Amino acid sequence: MSRNYKFHNKSSLYFVSFATVNWIDVFTRQIYFNVLAKSVDYCRKEKGMELYAYCFMTSHVHLIFRSSNEDPSGLLRDFKKHTARELIKTIENNPQESRKELLLWLFERAGKKNATKSKYQFWQHHNKPIELWSEKAIKQKIDYIHNNPVVSGYVTNAVDWKYSSARNFQEDNTVLEIDSVGFMG
């Protein structure tokens, strides 16, 4: 992994993006978004995650966060491991999931290519953490995150995407609460 994509300063604010294996559009049902939201909420309350911006897309996640425990790598590793397990279980137990066999086959196939996985691989390994060192860099990444659903053609206004902190910036905390960096929100 390149030096540019590591958590060097353990107390810094970071922008990360991570995707499902093969960019599979898993997050097309409310129940799967709920797993992500519940897991982020747990990490905020119990694992020292400070969340400043987020967007859950159909195949990937964007976060701006800090680890108050100064372990951003461990926090993200645990989050991805937990959500992978929960999402696989949710897919397996979802009677409305018409793509169940296909999704599980794709995750199992990815898991077989990776010697460290027991059966399934849900997330791609890389997170591409980028340390955010200035107000300008933070604002740029927030704009990128919030405009992702607009650029993808899902909505015409960023606040209309339910799983984005763009809504929080409009005082709507119905999905997740976020922290404030002072100049934001």
N, C-alpha and C. Protein backbone atom coordinates (compact mmCIF):
# COMPACT_ATOMS: atom_id res chain seq x y z
N MET A 1 0.86 -1.18 0.00
CA MET A 1 0.00 0.00 0.00
C MET A 1 0.90 1.24 0.00
N SER A 2 0.54 2.21 -0.74
CA SER A 2 1.29 3.45 -0.84
C SER A 2 1.30 4.21 0.49
N ARG A 3 2.37 4.94 0.71
CA ARG A 3 2.50 5.76 1.92
C ARG A 3 1.36 6.76 2.01
N ASN A 4 0.86 7.22 0.89
CA ASN A 4 -0.22 8.21 0.88
C ASN A 4 -1.53 7.65 1.42
N TYR A 5 -1.66 6.34 1.48
CA TYR A 5 -2.91 5.74 1.90
C TYR A 5 -2.77 4.96 3.21
N LYS A 6 -2.23 5.63 4.23
CA LYS A 6 -2.11 5.04 5.56
C LYS A 6 -2.50 6.08 6.60
N PHE A 7 -2.90 5.60 7.75
CA PHE A 7 -3.23 6.48 8.87
C PHE A 7 -1.93 6.81 9.61
N HIS A 8 -1.27 7.90 9.24
CA HIS A 8 0.01 8.26 9.86
C HIS A 8 -0.19 8.99 11.17
N ASN A 9 -1.03 9.99 11.20
CA ASN A 9 -1.28 10.77 12.41
C ASN A 9 -2.55 10.22 13.05
N LYS A 10 -2.41 9.48 14.11
CA LYS A 10 -3.53 8.74 14.73
C LYS A 10 -4.62 9.65 15.30
N SER A 11 -4.32 10.92 15.53
CA SER A 11 -5.32 11.82 16.11
C SER A 11 -5.97 12.74 15.07
N SER A 12 -5.58 12.60 13.82
CA SER A 12 -6.09 13.49 12.77
C SER A 12 -7.49 13.12 12.30
N LEU A 13 -8.04 14.06 11.57
CA LEU A 13 -9.31 13.87 10.88
C LEU A 13 -8.99 13.23 9.53
N TYR A 14 -9.79 12.22 9.14
CA TYR A 14 -9.54 11.50 7.89
C TYR A 14 -10.78 11.40 7.04
N PHE A 15 -10.55 11.42 5.73
CA PHE A 15 -11.55 11.10 4.72
C PHE A 15 -11.23 9.68 4.25
N VAL A 16 -12.24 8.81 4.27
CA VAL A 16 -12.05 7.45 3.76
C VAL A 16 -13.21 7.10 2.83
N SER A 17 -12.91 6.24 1.89
CA SER A 17 -13.92 5.66 1.00
C SER A 17 -13.62 4.18 0.92
N PHE A 18 -14.67 3.38 0.98
CA PHE A 18 -14.49 1.95 0.79
C PHE A 18 -15.73 1.39 0.12
N ALA A 19 -15.50 0.35 -0.68
CA ALA A 19 -16.56 -0.19 -1.53
C ALA A 19 -16.71 -1.68 -1.32
N THR A 20 -17.87 -2.17 -1.72
CA THR A 20 -18.11 -3.61 -1.72
C THR A 20 -17.20 -4.25 -2.77
N VAL A 21 -16.94 -5.54 -2.61
CA VAL A 21 -16.13 -6.22 -3.63
C VAL A 21 -16.83 -6.07 -4.98
N ASN A 22 -16.05 -5.86 -5.99
CA ASN A 22 -16.56 -5.69 -7.36
C ASN A 22 -17.61 -4.58 -7.50
N TRP A 23 -17.62 -3.68 -6.54
CA TRP A 23 -18.57 -2.55 -6.56
C TRP A 23 -20.01 -3.03 -6.71
N ILE A 24 -20.36 -4.10 -6.01
CA ILE A 24 -21.71 -4.67 -6.08
C ILE A 24 -22.69 -3.70 -5.42
N ASP A 25 -23.79 -3.40 -6.09
CA ASP A 25 -24.82 -2.52 -5.54
C ASP A 25 -25.66 -3.28 -4.52
N VAL A 26 -25.15 -3.36 -3.32
CA VAL A 26 -25.85 -4.06 -2.23
C VAL A 26 -26.90 -3.16 -1.61
N PHE A 27 -26.56 -1.89 -1.43
CA PHE A 27 -27.41 -0.99 -0.65
C PHE A 27 -28.53 -0.41 -1.51
N THR A 28 -29.46 -1.30 -1.82
CA THR A 28 -30.63 -0.93 -2.60
C THR A 28 -31.90 -1.13 -1.80
N ARG A 29 -31.75 -1.58 -0.57
CA ARG A 29 -32.90 -1.84 0.31
C ARG A 29 -32.65 -1.18 1.66
N GLN A 30 -33.72 -0.66 2.22
CA GLN A 30 -33.67 0.02 3.51
C GLN A 30 -32.96 -0.81 4.59
N ILE A 31 -33.22 -2.09 4.63
CA ILE A 31 -32.69 -2.96 5.68
C ILE A 31 -31.16 -2.97 5.68
N TYR A 32 -30.53 -2.84 4.52
CA TYR A 32 -29.07 -2.85 4.44
C TYR A 32 -28.48 -1.50 4.86
N PHE A 33 -29.14 -0.42 4.48
CA PHE A 33 -28.72 0.89 4.96
C PHE A 33 -28.82 0.95 6.49
N ASN A 34 -29.85 0.32 7.04
CA ASN A 34 -30.03 0.32 8.49
C ASN A 34 -28.85 -0.33 9.21
N VAL A 35 -28.30 -1.38 8.63
CA VAL A 35 -27.13 -2.04 9.24
C VAL A 35 -25.97 -1.06 9.31
N LEU A 36 -25.73 -0.32 8.24
CA LEU A 36 -24.64 0.67 8.25
C LEU A 36 -24.90 1.76 9.28
N ALA A 37 -26.11 2.31 9.28
CA ALA A 37 -26.43 3.40 10.20
C ALA A 37 -26.31 2.95 11.66
N LYS A 38 -26.83 1.78 11.96
CA LYS A 38 -26.76 1.26 13.32
C LYS A 38 -25.30 1.03 13.75
N SER A 39 -24.49 0.56 12.84
CA SER A 39 -23.08 0.30 13.14
C SER A 39 -22.31 1.60 13.36
N VAL A 40 -22.56 2.61 12.54
CA VAL A 40 -21.91 3.91 12.74
C VAL A 40 -22.35 4.49 14.08
N ASP A 41 -23.63 4.41 14.38
CA ASP A 41 -24.14 4.93 15.65
C ASP A 41 -23.45 4.24 16.83
N TYR A 42 -23.31 2.93 16.75
CA TYR A 42 -22.62 2.18 17.81
C TYR A 42 -21.16 2.65 17.94
N CYS A 43 -20.48 2.82 16.83
CA CYS A 43 -19.08 3.26 16.86
C CYS A 43 -18.95 4.66 17.46
N ARG A 44 -19.91 5.51 17.20
CA ARG A 44 -19.89 6.86 17.80
C ARG A 44 -20.08 6.77 19.30
N LYS A 45 -20.98 5.92 19.75
CA LYS A 45 -21.29 5.85 21.19
C LYS A 45 -20.30 5.02 21.98
N GLU A 46 -19.75 3.96 21.37
CA GLU A 46 -18.96 2.99 22.13
C GLU A 46 -17.49 2.85 21.71
N LYS A 47 -17.13 3.32 20.51
CA LYS A 47 -15.78 3.05 20.00
C LYS A 47 -14.95 4.31 19.75
N GLY A 48 -15.47 5.46 20.15
CA GLY A 48 -14.69 6.68 20.00
C GLY A 48 -14.67 7.28 18.62
N MET A 49 -15.66 6.95 17.77
CA MET A 49 -15.72 7.55 16.45
C MET A 49 -16.35 8.93 16.53
N GLU A 50 -15.64 9.91 16.02
CA GLU A 50 -16.20 11.25 15.83
C GLU A 50 -16.51 11.35 14.34
N LEU A 51 -17.78 11.51 14.02
CA LEU A 51 -18.23 11.52 12.62
C LEU A 51 -18.58 12.95 12.21
N TYR A 52 -17.96 13.43 11.13
CA TYR A 52 -18.17 14.80 10.69
C TYR A 52 -18.93 14.89 9.37
N ALA A 53 -18.86 13.85 8.57
CA ALA A 53 -19.62 13.81 7.31
C ALA A 53 -19.65 12.36 6.84
N TYR A 54 -20.72 12.03 6.10
CA TYR A 54 -20.85 10.67 5.59
C TYR A 54 -21.78 10.65 4.39
N CYS A 55 -21.66 9.59 3.62
CA CYS A 55 -22.62 9.29 2.56
C CYS A 55 -22.55 7.80 2.29
N PHE A 56 -23.70 7.16 2.36
CA PHE A 56 -23.80 5.74 2.00
C PHE A 56 -24.39 5.68 0.60
N MET A 57 -23.63 5.15 -0.33
CA MET A 57 -24.11 4.98 -1.69
C MET A 57 -24.51 3.52 -1.88
N THR A 58 -24.91 3.14 -3.08
CA THR A 58 -25.40 1.78 -3.30
C THR A 58 -24.28 0.73 -3.22
N SER A 59 -23.04 1.13 -3.49
CA SER A 59 -21.94 0.18 -3.48
C SER A 59 -20.75 0.61 -2.63
N HIS A 60 -20.82 1.80 -2.04
CA HIS A 60 -19.67 2.28 -1.29
C HIS A 60 -20.08 3.29 -0.22
N VAL A 61 -19.11 3.59 0.63
CA VAL A 61 -19.32 4.47 1.78
C VAL A 61 -18.22 5.52 1.80
N HIS A 62 -18.59 6.75 2.14
CA HIS A 62 -17.63 7.83 2.37
C HIS A 62 -17.82 8.31 3.80
N LEU A 63 -16.70 8.53 4.49
CA LEU A 63 -16.75 9.05 5.85
C LEU A 63 -15.66 10.10 6.04
N ILE A 64 -15.97 11.11 6.84
CA ILE A 64 -14.95 11.97 7.42
C ILE A 64 -15.07 11.74 8.91
N PHE A 65 -13.98 11.23 9.51
CA PHE A 65 -14.06 10.85 10.91
C PHE A 65 -12.71 11.02 11.60
N ARG A 66 -12.78 10.95 12.91
CA ARG A 66 -11.59 10.95 13.76
C ARG A 66 -11.82 9.88 14.82
N SER A 67 -10.76 9.25 15.24
CA SER A 67 -10.83 8.28 16.34
C SER A 67 -10.34 8.96 17.61
N SER A 68 -11.24 9.17 18.56
CA SER A 68 -10.83 9.80 19.83
C SER A 68 -9.91 8.88 20.62
N ASN A 69 -9.87 7.59 20.26
CA ASN A 69 -8.97 6.63 20.90
C ASN A 69 -7.63 6.55 20.16
N GLU A 70 -7.46 7.39 19.16
CA GLU A 70 -6.24 7.45 18.35
C GLU A 70 -5.91 6.10 17.71
N ASP A 71 -6.96 5.43 17.21
CA ASP A 71 -6.79 4.16 16.49
C ASP A 71 -7.73 4.13 15.28
N PRO A 72 -7.53 5.06 14.33
CA PRO A 72 -8.45 5.10 13.18
C PRO A 72 -8.42 3.82 12.36
N SER A 73 -7.27 3.21 12.23
CA SER A 73 -7.16 1.98 11.45
C SER A 73 -7.94 0.85 12.11
N GLY A 74 -7.78 0.69 13.41
CA GLY A 74 -8.50 -0.35 14.15
C GLY A 74 -9.99 -0.12 14.15
N LEU A 75 -10.38 1.14 14.31
CA LEU A 75 -11.81 1.49 14.30
C LEU A 75 -12.44 1.12 12.97
N LEU A 76 -11.79 1.49 11.88
CA LEU A 76 -12.34 1.20 10.55
C LEU A 76 -12.32 -0.31 10.27
N ARG A 77 -11.23 -0.97 10.68
CA ARG A 77 -11.15 -2.43 10.51
C ARG A 77 -12.31 -3.12 11.22
N ASP A 78 -12.56 -2.75 12.48
CA ASP A 78 -13.64 -3.36 13.25
C ASP A 78 -15.00 -3.05 12.66
N PHE A 79 -15.18 -1.81 12.20
CA PHE A 79 -16.44 -1.41 11.57
C PHE A 79 -16.71 -2.26 10.33
N LYS A 80 -15.71 -2.40 9.47
CA LYS A 80 -15.89 -3.16 8.24
C LYS A 80 -16.11 -4.65 8.54
N LYS A 81 -15.39 -5.18 9.49
CA LYS A 81 -15.56 -6.60 9.84
C LYS A 81 -16.96 -6.86 10.38
N HIS A 82 -17.41 -5.99 11.29
CA HIS A 82 -18.75 -6.15 11.88
C HIS A 82 -19.84 -5.99 10.82
N THR A 83 -19.76 -4.93 10.02
CA THR A 83 -20.81 -4.69 9.03
C THR A 83 -20.83 -5.80 7.98
N ALA A 84 -19.67 -6.32 7.61
CA ALA A 84 -19.63 -7.42 6.64
C ALA A 84 -20.40 -8.62 7.19
N ARG A 85 -20.11 -8.98 8.43
CA ARG A 85 -20.80 -10.12 9.05
C ARG A 85 -22.31 -9.88 9.13
N GLU A 86 -22.69 -8.69 9.60
CA GLU A 86 -24.11 -8.37 9.76
C GLU A 86 -24.84 -8.29 8.42
N LEU A 87 -24.19 -7.74 7.43
CA LEU A 87 -24.84 -7.61 6.12
C LEU A 87 -25.01 -8.96 5.43
N ILE A 88 -24.02 -9.82 5.54
CA ILE A 88 -24.15 -11.18 4.98
C ILE A 88 -25.32 -11.89 5.67
N LYS A 89 -25.37 -11.80 6.99
CA LYS A 89 -26.45 -12.43 7.75
C LYS A 89 -27.81 -11.84 7.35
N THR A 90 -27.87 -10.54 7.17
CA THR A 90 -29.12 -9.88 6.79
C THR A 90 -29.56 -10.31 5.40
N ILE A 91 -28.62 -10.41 4.49
CA ILE A 91 -28.94 -10.89 3.13
C ILE A 91 -29.46 -12.32 3.19
N GLU A 92 -28.76 -13.18 3.94
CA GLU A 92 -29.17 -14.58 4.05
C GLU A 92 -30.58 -14.74 4.61
N ASN A 93 -30.95 -13.85 5.54
CA ASN A 93 -32.24 -13.97 6.23
C ASN A 93 -33.34 -13.08 5.67
N ASN A 94 -33.09 -12.42 4.56
CA ASN A 94 -34.06 -11.49 3.99
C ASN A 94 -34.92 -12.22 2.94
N PRO A 95 -36.16 -12.55 3.30
CA PRO A 95 -37.01 -13.27 2.34
C PRO A 95 -37.38 -12.42 1.12
N GLN A 96 -37.25 -11.11 1.20
CA GLN A 96 -37.56 -10.24 0.06
C GLN A 96 -36.38 -10.07 -0.90
N GLU A 97 -35.22 -10.62 -0.54
CA GLU A 97 -34.04 -10.42 -1.38
C GLU A 97 -34.04 -11.36 -2.57
N SER A 98 -34.40 -10.82 -3.73
CA SER A 98 -34.46 -11.62 -4.96
C SER A 98 -33.08 -11.97 -5.48
N ARG A 99 -32.06 -11.23 -5.03
CA ARG A 99 -30.69 -11.46 -5.51
C ARG A 99 -29.86 -12.26 -4.51
N LYS A 100 -30.49 -12.86 -3.53
CA LYS A 100 -29.78 -13.52 -2.43
C LYS A 100 -28.69 -14.49 -2.92
N GLU A 101 -29.05 -15.45 -3.77
CA GLU A 101 -28.09 -16.45 -4.23
C GLU A 101 -26.95 -15.79 -5.00
N LEU A 102 -27.27 -14.84 -5.85
CA LEU A 102 -26.24 -14.16 -6.63
C LEU A 102 -25.28 -13.40 -5.70
N LEU A 103 -25.83 -12.60 -4.78
CA LEU A 103 -24.98 -11.82 -3.88
C LEU A 103 -24.07 -12.73 -3.06
N LEU A 104 -24.64 -13.76 -2.46
CA LEU A 104 -23.83 -14.66 -1.63
C LEU A 104 -22.77 -15.37 -2.47
N TRP A 105 -23.12 -15.76 -3.70
CA TRP A 105 -22.15 -16.39 -4.58
C TRP A 105 -20.99 -15.43 -4.90
N LEU A 106 -21.32 -14.16 -5.19
CA LEU A 106 -20.28 -13.17 -5.49
C LEU A 106 -19.36 -12.93 -4.29
N PHE A 107 -19.93 -12.84 -3.09
CA PHE A 107 -19.12 -12.63 -1.89
C PHE A 107 -18.29 -13.87 -1.57
N GLU A 108 -18.85 -15.04 -1.80
CA GLU A 108 -18.11 -16.28 -1.56
C GLU A 108 -16.96 -16.41 -2.57
N ARG A 109 -17.25 -16.08 -3.81
CA ARG A 109 -16.22 -16.13 -4.86
C ARG A 109 -15.06 -15.19 -4.52
N ALA A 110 -15.37 -13.99 -4.05
CA ALA A 110 -14.34 -13.04 -3.64
C ALA A 110 -13.57 -13.58 -2.43
N GLY A 111 -14.27 -14.23 -1.51
CA GLY A 111 -13.63 -14.79 -0.33
C GLY A 111 -12.66 -15.90 -0.68
N LYS A 112 -12.97 -16.69 -1.69
CA LYS A 112 -12.09 -17.79 -2.11
C LYS A 112 -10.79 -17.27 -2.71
N LYS A 113 -10.83 -16.06 -3.25
CA LYS A 113 -9.62 -15.46 -3.84
C LYS A 113 -8.71 -14.87 -2.77
N ASN A 114 -9.20 -14.80 -1.54
CA ASN A 114 -8.46 -14.17 -0.47
C ASN A 114 -8.20 -15.20 0.63
N ALA A 115 -6.95 -15.54 0.84
CA ALA A 115 -6.59 -16.60 1.81
C ALA A 115 -6.95 -16.24 3.24
N THR A 116 -7.12 -14.96 3.55
CA THR A 116 -7.40 -14.57 4.94
C THR A 116 -8.88 -14.64 5.30
N LYS A 117 -9.73 -14.86 4.33
CA LYS A 117 -11.17 -14.92 4.59
C LYS A 117 -11.62 -16.35 4.75
N SER A 118 -12.56 -16.57 5.69
CA SER A 118 -13.03 -17.94 5.90
C SER A 118 -14.01 -18.36 4.80
N LYS A 119 -14.98 -17.52 4.50
CA LYS A 119 -15.94 -17.89 3.47
C LYS A 119 -16.26 -16.73 2.54
N TYR A 120 -16.68 -15.60 3.11
CA TYR A 120 -17.13 -14.47 2.30
C TYR A 120 -16.17 -13.28 2.43
N GLN A 121 -16.09 -12.50 1.37
CA GLN A 121 -15.47 -11.18 1.45
C GLN A 121 -16.52 -10.19 0.98
N PHE A 122 -16.86 -9.24 1.83
CA PHE A 122 -17.89 -8.26 1.52
C PHE A 122 -17.27 -6.95 1.02
N TRP A 123 -16.32 -6.41 1.78
CA TRP A 123 -15.69 -5.11 1.45
C TRP A 123 -14.36 -5.32 0.73
N GLN A 124 -14.02 -4.39 -0.15
CA GLN A 124 -12.66 -4.34 -0.69
C GLN A 124 -11.74 -3.98 0.47
N HIS A 125 -10.48 -4.34 0.38
CA HIS A 125 -9.55 -4.14 1.49
C HIS A 125 -9.14 -2.70 1.72
N HIS A 126 -8.92 -1.96 0.67
CA HIS A 126 -8.37 -0.61 0.83
C HIS A 126 -9.43 0.39 1.29
N ASN A 127 -8.97 1.41 2.01
CA ASN A 127 -9.84 2.48 2.51
C ASN A 127 -9.41 3.84 1.98
N LYS A 128 -8.20 3.90 1.48
CA LYS A 128 -7.62 5.13 0.96
C LYS A 128 -7.80 6.31 1.92
N PRO A 129 -7.30 6.20 3.15
CA PRO A 129 -7.43 7.32 4.08
C PRO A 129 -6.62 8.53 3.63
N ILE A 130 -7.26 9.67 3.68
CA ILE A 130 -6.59 10.93 3.34
C ILE A 130 -6.71 11.84 4.56
N GLU A 131 -5.56 12.22 5.10
CA GLU A 131 -5.57 13.11 6.27
C GLU A 131 -6.03 14.50 5.83
N LEU A 132 -6.94 15.06 6.62
CA LEU A 132 -7.48 16.39 6.31
C LEU A 132 -6.82 17.38 7.27
N TRP A 133 -6.00 18.23 6.72
CA TRP A 133 -5.13 19.09 7.51
C TRP A 133 -5.56 20.55 7.54
N SER A 134 -6.53 20.91 6.74
CA SER A 134 -6.94 22.31 6.68
C SER A 134 -8.45 22.42 6.50
N GLU A 135 -8.97 23.60 6.82
CA GLU A 135 -10.39 23.86 6.64
C GLU A 135 -10.77 23.72 5.16
N LYS A 136 -9.89 24.18 4.28
CA LYS A 136 -10.16 24.09 2.84
C LYS A 136 -10.27 22.62 2.40
N ALA A 137 -9.35 21.78 2.87
CA ALA A 137 -9.38 20.36 2.50
C ALA A 137 -10.64 19.68 3.05
N ILE A 138 -11.02 20.03 4.27
CA ILE A 138 -12.22 19.45 4.88
C ILE A 138 -13.46 19.83 4.07
N LYS A 139 -13.58 21.11 3.75
CA LYS A 139 -14.75 21.57 2.98
C LYS A 139 -14.80 20.91 1.61
N GLN A 140 -13.64 20.74 0.98
CA GLN A 140 -13.59 20.12 -0.35
C GLN A 140 -14.11 18.68 -0.27
N LYS A 141 -13.69 17.94 0.73
CA LYS A 141 -14.13 16.54 0.86
C LYS A 141 -15.60 16.46 1.26
N ILE A 142 -16.07 17.38 2.08
CA ILE A 142 -17.50 17.40 2.43
C ILE A 142 -18.33 17.64 1.17
N ASP A 143 -17.92 18.60 0.36
CA ASP A 143 -18.63 18.86 -0.90
C ASP A 143 -18.62 17.63 -1.79
N TYR A 144 -17.48 16.97 -1.88
CA TYR A 144 -17.37 15.75 -2.69
C TYR A 144 -18.35 14.69 -2.19
N ILE A 145 -18.35 14.45 -0.88
CA ILE A 145 -19.24 13.45 -0.28
C ILE A 145 -20.70 13.79 -0.55
N HIS A 146 -21.08 15.02 -0.27
CA HIS A 146 -22.48 15.42 -0.39
C HIS A 146 -22.96 15.43 -1.84
N ASN A 147 -22.06 15.70 -2.77
CA ASN A 147 -22.46 15.75 -4.18
C ASN A 147 -22.40 14.40 -4.87
N ASN A 148 -21.89 13.37 -4.19
CA ASN A 148 -21.77 12.04 -4.80
C ASN A 148 -23.11 11.52 -5.33
N PRO A 149 -24.21 11.59 -4.57
CA PRO A 149 -25.50 11.11 -5.10
C PRO A 149 -26.04 11.97 -6.25
N VAL A 150 -25.67 13.25 -6.26
CA VAL A 150 -26.09 14.15 -7.35
C VAL A 150 -25.34 13.78 -8.62
N VAL A 151 -24.02 13.64 -8.52
CA VAL A 151 -23.19 13.29 -9.67
C VAL A 151 -23.60 11.91 -10.22
N SER A 152 -23.99 11.01 -9.31
CA SER A 152 -24.41 9.66 -9.73
C SER A 152 -25.80 9.65 -10.34
N GLY A 153 -26.53 10.76 -10.25
CA GLY A 153 -27.85 10.87 -10.87
C GLY A 153 -29.00 10.36 -10.02
N TYR A 154 -28.76 10.08 -8.74
CA TYR A 154 -29.84 9.58 -7.88
C TYR A 154 -30.77 10.68 -7.41
N VAL A 155 -30.23 11.88 -7.23
CA VAL A 155 -31.02 13.03 -6.78
C VAL A 155 -30.52 14.28 -7.51
N THR A 156 -31.32 15.33 -7.48
CA THR A 156 -30.87 16.59 -8.08
C THR A 156 -30.38 17.57 -7.02
N ASN A 157 -30.71 17.29 -5.76
CA ASN A 157 -30.28 18.13 -4.65
C ASN A 157 -29.69 17.22 -3.58
N ALA A 158 -28.49 17.53 -3.11
CA ALA A 158 -27.77 16.67 -2.16
C ALA A 158 -28.58 16.35 -0.91
N VAL A 159 -29.38 17.28 -0.42
CA VAL A 159 -30.14 17.02 0.81
C VAL A 159 -31.27 16.01 0.60
N ASP A 160 -31.57 15.68 -0.64
CA ASP A 160 -32.62 14.70 -0.92
C ASP A 160 -32.13 13.26 -0.80
N TRP A 161 -30.81 13.05 -0.69
CA TRP A 161 -30.28 11.69 -0.49
C TRP A 161 -30.35 11.39 1.00
N LYS A 162 -31.17 10.41 1.34
CA LYS A 162 -31.47 10.12 2.74
C LYS A 162 -30.23 9.77 3.57
N TYR A 163 -29.28 9.07 2.97
CA TYR A 163 -28.12 8.58 3.72
C TYR A 163 -26.88 9.43 3.48
N SER A 164 -27.02 10.71 3.80
CA SER A 164 -25.93 11.65 3.63
C SER A 164 -26.00 12.71 4.72
N SER A 165 -24.83 13.15 5.16
CA SER A 165 -24.80 14.21 6.18
C SER A 165 -25.19 15.56 5.59
N ALA A 166 -25.43 15.64 4.28
CA ALA A 166 -25.96 16.88 3.71
C ALA A 166 -27.25 17.25 4.43
N ARG A 167 -28.00 16.25 4.84
CA ARG A 167 -29.24 16.48 5.59
C ARG A 167 -28.94 17.04 6.97
N ASN A 168 -27.88 16.53 7.61
CA ASN A 168 -27.50 17.03 8.93
C ASN A 168 -27.13 18.51 8.88
N PHE A 169 -26.52 18.91 7.77
CA PHE A 169 -26.13 20.30 7.61
C PHE A 169 -27.35 21.20 7.44
N GLN A 170 -28.53 20.57 7.25
CA GLN A 170 -29.80 21.28 7.19
C GLN A 170 -30.62 21.00 8.46
N GLU A 171 -29.93 20.62 9.54
CA GLU A 171 -30.55 20.35 10.85
C GLU A 171 -31.47 19.12 10.84
N ASP A 172 -31.23 18.17 9.94
CA ASP A 172 -32.02 16.94 9.88
C ASP A 172 -31.15 15.78 10.34
N ASN A 173 -31.36 15.32 11.58
CA ASN A 173 -30.57 14.24 12.15
C ASN A 173 -31.38 12.94 12.23
N THR A 174 -32.29 12.73 11.30
CA THR A 174 -33.18 11.57 11.40
C THR A 174 -32.47 10.25 11.14
N VAL A 175 -31.39 10.22 10.38
CA VAL A 175 -30.70 8.96 10.09
C VAL A 175 -29.54 8.77 11.06
N LEU A 176 -28.64 9.72 11.12
CA LEU A 176 -27.47 9.68 12.00
C LEU A 176 -27.19 11.07 12.54
N GLU A 177 -26.60 11.11 13.70
CA GLU A 177 -26.08 12.37 14.21
C GLU A 177 -24.62 12.47 13.81
N ILE A 178 -24.16 13.70 13.65
CA ILE A 178 -22.75 13.92 13.34
C ILE A 178 -22.19 14.89 14.37
N ASP A 179 -20.88 14.95 14.41
CA ASP A 179 -20.17 15.89 15.28
C ASP A 179 -19.88 17.16 14.49
N SER A 180 -19.49 18.19 15.18
CA SER A 180 -19.21 19.46 14.53
C SER A 180 -17.72 19.81 14.67
N VAL A 181 -17.14 20.32 13.59
CA VAL A 181 -15.73 20.73 13.64
C VAL A 181 -15.64 22.23 13.91
N GLY A 182 -16.72 22.88 14.20
CA GLY A 182 -16.69 24.30 14.51
C GLY A 182 -17.17 25.15 13.35
N PHE A 183 -16.42 25.16 12.25
CA PHE A 183 -16.81 26.00 11.12
C PHE A 183 -17.91 25.36 10.29
N MET A 184 -18.13 24.06 10.50
CA MET A 184 -19.14 23.35 9.69
C MET A 184 -20.50 23.46 10.36
N GLY A 185 -21.54 23.34 9.52
CA GLY A 185 -22.91 23.24 9.98
C GLY A 185 -23.30 24.36 10.79
